[in-house]
Amino acid sequence: MEFWNHLQMQLEHKGFCRVENKKNWYWQEENPVLYLICLLDGAEEGWREENMTFADFAGKMEGSVEEFHCTRVVALSVLVDNQEGILPVDSVETAFQTYDNKLYRVFWHFSPETGRLSAAQGQPTQLLGVEKLLRAAAAGREPEVLVLRDTKEQKTPVATAVIFVICAALLAWCMLSGQREEILSAYGLSREGILAGEYYRFFTCMFLHAGLLHLASNSIYLYYFGVRAERLLGTGKFLVLYLVSGLCGGVFSVLFSGNAGVSIGASGAIYGLLGAMLLLTKKRGARYTGMNYSTMLLLAATAIGFGFLQEGVDNFAHIGGFLGGIAVFSLLLRKK
């Protein structure tokens, strides 16, 4: 019973959702795949019948997989008991050896006593990290508790709003004062300025923008990831994440970009938020970010990749901010 309780906690903290009216059936969407999991208790006589019922359920889900915006279903059955030996051939052949373009079925046997996991012939023994959760539950480990605020509190993201207002006000000042070039030259990031001891540029540059389109593109990311990060971390930790990410982006820019001009924009800090939310999604699934890990990873790779294809983009600032955000956020995710 202790194993099952720990396994339930591990799965739910990883972002798996329980199938309605089913005690040990779970699902998770990792676009383009819909994962279904059925945990079978080998100590119960009816596990074979439950396995067949799950197979029928997986077949029905295959027919409606497009409703989840996915293209295929992976259905995993895990037989949990401490009897070592060959997998039950009848259950594998009758329920889990049918493949087609949309449905892939997998059968595992797991022994909590030894921690040994075996799979049907030709099938994987690693799937969505479930194998790690099984072993963690067998070892009696409780899920890692992330020190995050409850988003249900709906705290007003004050810092995110203030950052946007400052950026918008400075852009208006640049556009209306007639001194745009002078302002950017005095407060933008430049290698010459940093070498001259003007370290304030590391921070002032991240609030300046070249124009409305530049500000709008950064503001979209700031709103989507900034609001979530601030509600989860609180204003103080969010500001640490944001500013340190921007600083890391500035340092990478000075060290590696080779740009003799002036670099401006909140992109380094924004990419830090992206890196932080990517790490959170990997640890806890899509419940906080609204995107699964595969989607977040694709978004990050695409954003950084396109940066190398565009002229005038300080992509090393993006990379530095992204790595800085991951590093800072990993330090903030402490166990209670």
Protein backbone atom coordinates (compact mmCIF):
# COMPACT_ATOMS: atom_id res chain seq x y z
CA MET A 1 0.00 0.00 0.00
CA GLU A 2 2.87 2.36 0.78
CA PHE A 3 4.30 1.80 -2.71
CA TRP A 4 0.99 2.67 -4.37
CA ASN A 5 0.58 5.82 -2.30
CA HIS A 6 4.09 7.00 -3.17
CA LEU A 7 3.57 6.16 -6.84
CA GLN A 8 0.33 8.12 -6.95
CA MET A 9 2.08 11.16 -5.45
CA GLN A 10 4.99 10.82 -7.89
CA LEU A 11 2.69 10.66 -10.92
CA GLU A 12 0.48 13.55 -9.87
CA HIS A 13 3.45 15.79 -9.03
CA LYS A 14 4.92 15.00 -12.45
CA GLY A 15 1.75 16.33 -14.06
CA PHE A 16 -0.08 13.09 -14.90
CA CYS A 17 -3.87 13.32 -14.70
CA ARG A 18 -6.07 10.51 -13.48
CA VAL A 19 -8.64 9.09 -15.89
CA GLU A 20 -12.11 9.75 -14.53
CA ASN A 21 -13.57 6.89 -12.47
CA LYS A 22 -10.35 4.88 -12.79
CA LYS A 23 -8.15 4.46 -9.73
CA ASN A 24 -4.87 3.57 -11.44
CA TRP A 25 -5.27 4.91 -14.97
CA TYR A 26 -3.48 8.12 -15.94
CA TRP A 27 -2.95 10.27 -18.99
CA GLN A 28 -0.66 13.06 -20.08
CA GLU A 29 -0.43 15.03 -23.31
CA GLU A 30 3.02 15.59 -24.75
CA ASN A 31 2.20 16.90 -28.19
CA PRO A 32 2.12 15.18 -30.64
CA VAL A 33 1.67 12.12 -28.39
CA LEU A 34 -1.14 11.31 -25.95
CA TYR A 35 0.21 8.97 -23.26
CA LEU A 36 -2.07 6.57 -21.40
CA ILE A 37 -0.89 4.57 -18.36
CA CYS A 38 -2.58 1.65 -16.63
CA LEU A 39 -1.08 0.37 -13.37
CA LEU A 40 -2.00 -3.26 -12.74
CA ASP A 41 -1.75 -4.80 -9.28
CA GLY A 42 -0.49 -8.35 -9.75
CA ALA A 43 -1.84 -9.28 -6.32
CA GLU A 44 -5.39 -8.81 -7.60
CA GLU A 45 -6.95 -11.60 -9.64
CA GLY A 46 -8.74 -9.30 -12.02
CA TRP A 47 -5.68 -7.52 -13.40
CA ARG A 48 -5.87 -9.37 -16.76
CA GLU A 49 -9.46 -8.26 -17.31
CA GLU A 50 -8.53 -4.70 -16.36
CA ASN A 51 -5.68 -4.86 -18.83
CA MET A 52 -8.06 -5.85 -21.61
CA THR A 53 -10.47 -3.08 -20.63
CA PHE A 54 -7.58 -0.63 -20.82
CA ALA A 55 -6.68 -1.95 -24.27
CA ASP A 56 -10.24 -1.25 -25.44
CA PHE A 57 -10.03 2.23 -23.91
CA ALA A 58 -6.76 2.90 -25.73
CA GLY A 59 -8.37 1.84 -29.00
CA LYS A 60 -11.23 4.27 -28.47
CA MET A 61 -8.80 7.08 -27.65
CA GLU A 62 -6.96 6.32 -30.86
CA GLY A 63 -10.09 7.21 -32.77
CA SER A 64 -10.41 10.60 -31.08
CA VAL A 65 -6.75 11.51 -30.69
CA GLU A 66 -7.17 14.61 -32.86
CA GLU A 67 -9.37 16.14 -30.17
CA PHE A 68 -6.27 16.35 -27.98
CA HIS A 69 -4.34 17.98 -30.83
CA CYS A 70 -2.14 14.89 -31.00
CA THR A 71 -1.33 12.49 -33.81
CA ARG A 72 -0.85 9.20 -31.94
CA VAL A 73 -1.46 7.34 -28.69
CA VAL A 74 1.08 5.49 -26.56
CA ALA A 75 -0.65 3.12 -24.13
CA LEU A 76 1.54 1.73 -21.33
CA SER A 77 0.43 -1.10 -19.02
CA VAL A 78 2.58 -1.73 -15.94
CA LEU A 79 2.09 -5.01 -14.07
CA VAL A 80 3.31 -4.47 -10.52
CA ASP A 81 4.23 -7.52 -8.45
CA ASN A 82 7.33 -9.08 -6.93
CA GLN A 83 7.37 -12.30 -8.94
CA GLU A 84 10.43 -12.36 -11.15
CA GLY A 85 10.32 -14.13 -14.48
CA ILE A 86 8.97 -13.89 -17.99
CA LEU A 87 6.19 -11.45 -18.76
CA PRO A 88 2.73 -13.01 -19.03
CA VAL A 89 2.74 -13.99 -22.70
CA ASP A 90 -1.02 -14.24 -23.06
CA SER A 91 -1.65 -10.67 -21.91
CA VAL A 92 1.05 -9.32 -24.19
CA GLU A 93 -0.08 -11.16 -27.29
CA THR A 94 -3.80 -10.58 -26.92
CA ALA A 95 -3.73 -6.95 -25.88
CA PHE A 96 -0.38 -5.39 -26.60
CA GLN A 97 1.04 -6.63 -29.85
CA THR A 98 -1.19 -4.65 -32.23
CA TYR A 99 0.42 -1.65 -33.88
CA ASP A 100 -0.75 0.85 -36.44
CA ASN A 101 -0.06 4.43 -37.40
CA LYS A 102 -1.79 5.98 -34.40
CA LEU A 103 -1.52 3.48 -31.53
CA TYR A 104 1.60 2.08 -29.90
CA ARG A 105 1.13 -0.31 -26.99
CA VAL A 106 3.72 -1.13 -24.37
CA PHE A 107 3.73 -3.68 -21.55
CA TRP A 108 6.04 -3.59 -18.51
CA HIS A 109 6.58 -5.71 -15.46
CA PHE A 110 7.91 -3.98 -12.34
CA SER A 111 9.00 -5.46 -9.04
CA PRO A 112 8.90 -2.96 -6.14
CA GLU A 113 10.98 -5.34 -4.05
CA THR A 114 13.98 -5.43 -6.38
CA GLY A 115 13.32 -2.31 -8.46
CA ARG A 116 13.71 -4.40 -11.61
CA LEU A 117 11.76 -3.36 -14.70
CA SER A 118 11.35 -5.55 -17.77
CA ALA A 119 9.49 -4.93 -21.00
CA ALA A 120 7.96 -7.04 -23.71
CA GLN A 121 10.40 -8.01 -26.44
CA GLY A 122 11.39 -5.11 -28.66
CA GLN A 123 9.67 -2.53 -26.46
CA PRO A 124 11.31 0.37 -24.61
CA THR A 125 12.11 0.36 -20.88
CA GLN A 126 12.11 4.15 -20.68
CA LEU A 127 8.98 6.16 -21.33
CA LEU A 128 8.23 9.70 -20.20
CA GLY A 129 10.25 9.17 -17.02
CA VAL A 130 7.67 6.70 -15.64
CA GLU A 131 10.44 4.17 -14.96
CA LYS A 132 12.10 6.68 -12.62
CA LEU A 133 8.83 7.31 -10.81
CA LEU A 134 8.32 3.59 -10.28
CA ARG A 135 11.76 3.19 -8.73
CA ALA A 136 11.34 6.32 -6.62
CA ALA A 137 8.05 4.96 -5.26
CA ALA A 138 9.64 1.57 -4.57
CA ALA A 139 12.39 3.33 -2.61
CA GLY A 140 9.77 5.19 -0.57
CA ARG A 141 10.83 8.60 -1.82
CA GLU A 142 8.28 11.36 -1.79
CA PRO A 143 8.14 13.79 -4.72
CA GLU A 144 10.42 16.78 -4.72
CA VAL A 145 8.45 19.71 -3.32
CA LEU A 146 9.13 22.86 -5.29
CA VAL A 147 8.99 26.06 -3.28
CA LEU A 148 6.38 27.80 -5.42
CA ARG A 149 3.44 30.00 -4.63
CA ASP A 150 -0.06 28.82 -5.43
CA THR A 151 -1.18 30.36 -8.73
CA LYS A 152 -4.77 30.12 -7.50
CA GLU A 153 -4.03 33.09 -5.27
CA GLN A 154 -4.00 35.18 -8.46
CA LYS A 155 -1.58 37.71 -7.04
CA THR A 156 -1.19 40.80 -9.19
CA PRO A 157 2.13 40.56 -11.08
CA VAL A 158 3.30 44.01 -10.00
CA ALA A 159 6.93 43.64 -11.09
CA THR A 160 5.99 42.40 -14.56
CA ALA A 161 3.67 45.37 -15.05
CA VAL A 162 6.27 47.85 -13.75
CA ILE A 163 8.93 46.46 -16.10
CA PHE A 164 6.62 46.92 -19.07
CA VAL A 165 5.69 50.48 -18.01
CA ILE A 166 9.36 51.44 -17.62
CA CYS A 167 10.23 50.02 -21.04
CA ALA A 168 7.28 51.78 -22.69
CA ALA A 169 8.06 55.08 -20.97
CA LEU A 170 11.71 54.98 -22.02
CA LEU A 171 10.73 54.16 -25.60
CA ALA A 172 8.36 57.13 -25.63
CA TRP A 173 11.12 59.33 -24.23
CA CYS A 174 13.49 58.21 -26.98
CA MET A 175 10.93 58.78 -29.72
CA LEU A 176 9.60 62.14 -28.51
CA SER A 177 12.75 63.79 -27.18
CA GLY A 178 14.57 63.87 -30.49
CA GLN A 179 17.64 62.45 -28.69
CA ARG A 180 17.12 58.78 -29.42
CA GLU A 181 20.65 58.06 -30.63
CA GLU A 182 22.22 59.96 -27.73
CA ILE A 183 20.13 58.07 -25.16
CA LEU A 184 20.85 54.67 -26.66
CA SER A 185 24.54 55.48 -26.93
CA ALA A 186 24.70 56.61 -23.31
CA TYR A 187 22.75 53.74 -21.73
CA GLY A 188 22.90 50.84 -24.20
CA LEU A 189 25.28 47.94 -23.75
CA SER A 190 28.64 48.30 -25.45
CA ARG A 191 31.96 46.57 -24.94
CA GLU A 192 33.78 49.89 -24.92
CA GLY A 193 31.49 51.26 -22.22
CA ILE A 194 31.88 48.20 -20.01
CA LEU A 195 35.67 48.22 -20.39
CA ALA A 196 35.55 51.90 -19.37
CA GLY A 197 33.88 50.90 -16.10
CA GLU A 198 30.29 51.86 -17.02
CA TYR A 199 28.78 48.72 -15.52
CA TYR A 200 25.34 50.31 -15.15
CA ARG A 201 24.91 49.57 -18.85
CA PHE A 202 24.34 45.90 -18.01
CA PHE A 203 21.03 46.90 -16.41
CA THR A 204 19.96 50.05 -18.26
CA CYS A 205 20.23 48.33 -21.65
CA MET A 206 17.53 45.79 -20.80
CA PHE A 207 14.89 48.53 -20.45
CA LEU A 208 15.63 50.23 -23.79
CA HIS A 209 14.12 49.23 -27.13
CA ALA A 210 14.69 50.23 -30.73
CA GLY A 211 11.04 50.73 -31.62
CA LEU A 212 7.43 49.67 -31.12
CA LEU A 213 7.86 46.31 -32.89
CA HIS A 214 10.90 45.49 -30.75
CA LEU A 215 9.02 46.32 -27.57
CA ALA A 216 5.87 44.47 -28.67
CA SER A 217 7.72 41.23 -29.47
CA ASN A 218 9.47 41.24 -26.10
CA SER A 219 6.30 42.21 -24.26
CA ILE A 220 4.43 39.15 -25.56
CA TYR A 221 7.00 36.85 -23.96
CA LEU A 222 7.17 39.03 -20.86
CA TYR A 223 3.42 38.78 -20.39
CA TYR A 224 3.14 35.05 -21.03
CA PHE A 225 6.14 33.87 -19.00
CA GLY A 226 6.64 36.83 -16.68
CA VAL A 227 3.16 36.74 -15.19
CA ARG A 228 3.45 33.00 -14.52
CA ALA A 229 6.95 33.22 -13.09
CA GLU A 230 6.09 36.09 -10.76
CA ARG A 231 2.95 34.41 -9.45
CA LEU A 232 4.90 31.22 -8.79
CA LEU A 233 8.00 32.77 -7.24
CA GLY A 234 6.74 35.98 -5.73
CA THR A 235 7.90 39.47 -6.69
CA GLY A 236 11.29 39.36 -4.97
CA LYS A 237 12.51 36.08 -6.46
CA PHE A 238 11.04 36.98 -9.83
CA LEU A 239 13.08 40.19 -9.93
CA VAL A 240 16.21 38.23 -9.03
CA LEU A 241 15.49 35.81 -11.88
CA TYR A 242 14.75 38.59 -14.35
CA LEU A 243 17.67 40.89 -13.54
CA VAL A 244 20.29 38.16 -13.18
CA SER A 245 19.17 36.62 -16.47
CA GLY A 246 19.51 40.01 -18.15
CA LEU A 247 22.95 40.44 -16.57
CA CYS A 248 24.06 37.03 -17.85
CA GLY A 249 22.84 37.98 -21.30
CA GLY A 250 24.86 41.20 -21.15
CA VAL A 251 27.99 39.36 -20.04
CA PHE A 252 27.68 36.86 -22.90
CA SER A 253 27.13 39.71 -25.33
CA VAL A 254 30.27 41.52 -24.22
CA LEU A 255 32.37 38.36 -24.21
CA PHE A 256 31.24 36.62 -27.39
CA SER A 257 29.18 38.78 -29.72
CA GLY A 258 32.05 40.86 -31.07
CA ASN A 259 29.54 43.62 -31.73
CA ALA A 260 31.24 46.98 -31.81
CA GLY A 261 27.93 48.81 -31.64
CA VAL A 262 25.31 49.23 -28.94
CA SER A 263 23.03 46.40 -27.82
CA ILE A 264 19.63 47.12 -26.26
CA GLY A 265 16.48 45.23 -25.33
CA ALA A 266 15.00 42.98 -22.68
CA SER A 267 15.67 39.86 -24.71
CA GLY A 268 18.37 38.48 -22.40
CA ALA A 269 16.05 38.68 -19.39
CA ILE A 270 13.10 37.38 -21.45
CA TYR A 271 15.08 34.35 -22.58
CA GLY A 272 15.96 33.80 -18.93
CA LEU A 273 12.23 33.50 -18.18
CA LEU A 274 11.90 31.09 -21.09
CA GLY A 275 14.73 28.94 -19.72
CA ALA A 276 13.24 28.98 -16.23
CA MET A 277 9.80 27.93 -17.43
CA LEU A 278 11.36 25.22 -19.61
CA LEU A 279 13.03 23.78 -16.51
CA LEU A 280 9.80 24.00 -14.53
CA THR A 281 7.87 22.22 -17.28
CA LYS A 282 10.43 19.42 -17.35
CA LYS A 283 10.01 18.93 -13.60
CA ARG A 284 6.27 19.43 -13.21
CA GLY A 285 4.64 19.11 -16.61
CA ALA A 286 2.38 21.64 -18.32
CA ARG A 287 0.23 22.60 -15.33
CA TYR A 288 2.04 25.91 -14.71
CA THR A 289 3.11 27.02 -18.18
CA GLY A 290 0.25 25.75 -20.31
CA MET A 291 2.77 24.05 -22.63
CA ASN A 292 4.22 20.58 -22.39
CA TYR A 293 7.97 20.01 -22.27
CA SER A 294 8.31 19.05 -25.95
CA THR A 295 6.54 22.23 -27.05
CA MET A 296 8.61 24.39 -24.71
CA LEU A 297 11.83 22.77 -25.92
CA LEU A 298 10.85 23.34 -29.54
CA LEU A 299 9.96 26.97 -28.78
CA ALA A 300 13.34 27.59 -27.12
CA ALA A 301 15.31 25.87 -29.89
CA THR A 302 13.41 27.73 -32.60
CA ALA A 303 13.78 31.11 -30.91
CA ILE A 304 17.52 30.73 -30.44
CA GLY A 305 17.99 29.16 -33.87
CA PHE A 306 16.23 31.96 -35.72
CA GLY A 307 18.37 34.45 -33.83
CA PHE A 308 21.39 33.25 -35.79
CA LEU A 309 19.57 33.77 -39.08
CA GLN A 310 18.56 37.39 -38.46
CA GLU A 311 20.84 40.34 -38.90
CA GLY A 312 21.25 42.79 -36.08
CA VAL A 313 20.19 40.29 -33.39
CA ASP A 314 22.51 39.85 -30.41
CA ASN A 315 21.92 36.12 -30.10
CA PHE A 316 24.70 35.61 -27.57
CA ALA A 317 22.69 37.81 -25.21
CA HIS A 318 19.76 35.44 -25.78
CA ILE A 319 21.89 32.38 -25.04
CA GLY A 320 23.45 33.96 -21.96
CA GLY A 321 20.07 34.99 -20.60
CA PHE A 322 18.59 31.56 -21.34
CA LEU A 323 21.38 29.73 -19.51
CA GLY A 324 21.32 32.27 -16.70
CA GLY A 325 17.58 31.78 -16.24
CA ILE A 326 17.99 28.01 -15.99
CA ALA A 327 20.81 28.39 -13.46
CA VAL A 328 18.98 30.90 -11.27
CA PHE A 329 15.69 29.02 -11.37
CA SER A 330 17.37 25.73 -10.44
CA LEU A 331 18.71 27.43 -7.31
CA LEU A 332 15.25 28.74 -6.46
CA LEU A 333 13.69 25.28 -6.71
CA ARG A 334 14.80 24.12 -3.30
CA LYS A 335 13.26 21.33 -1.30
CA LYS A 336 11.28 22.44 1.71
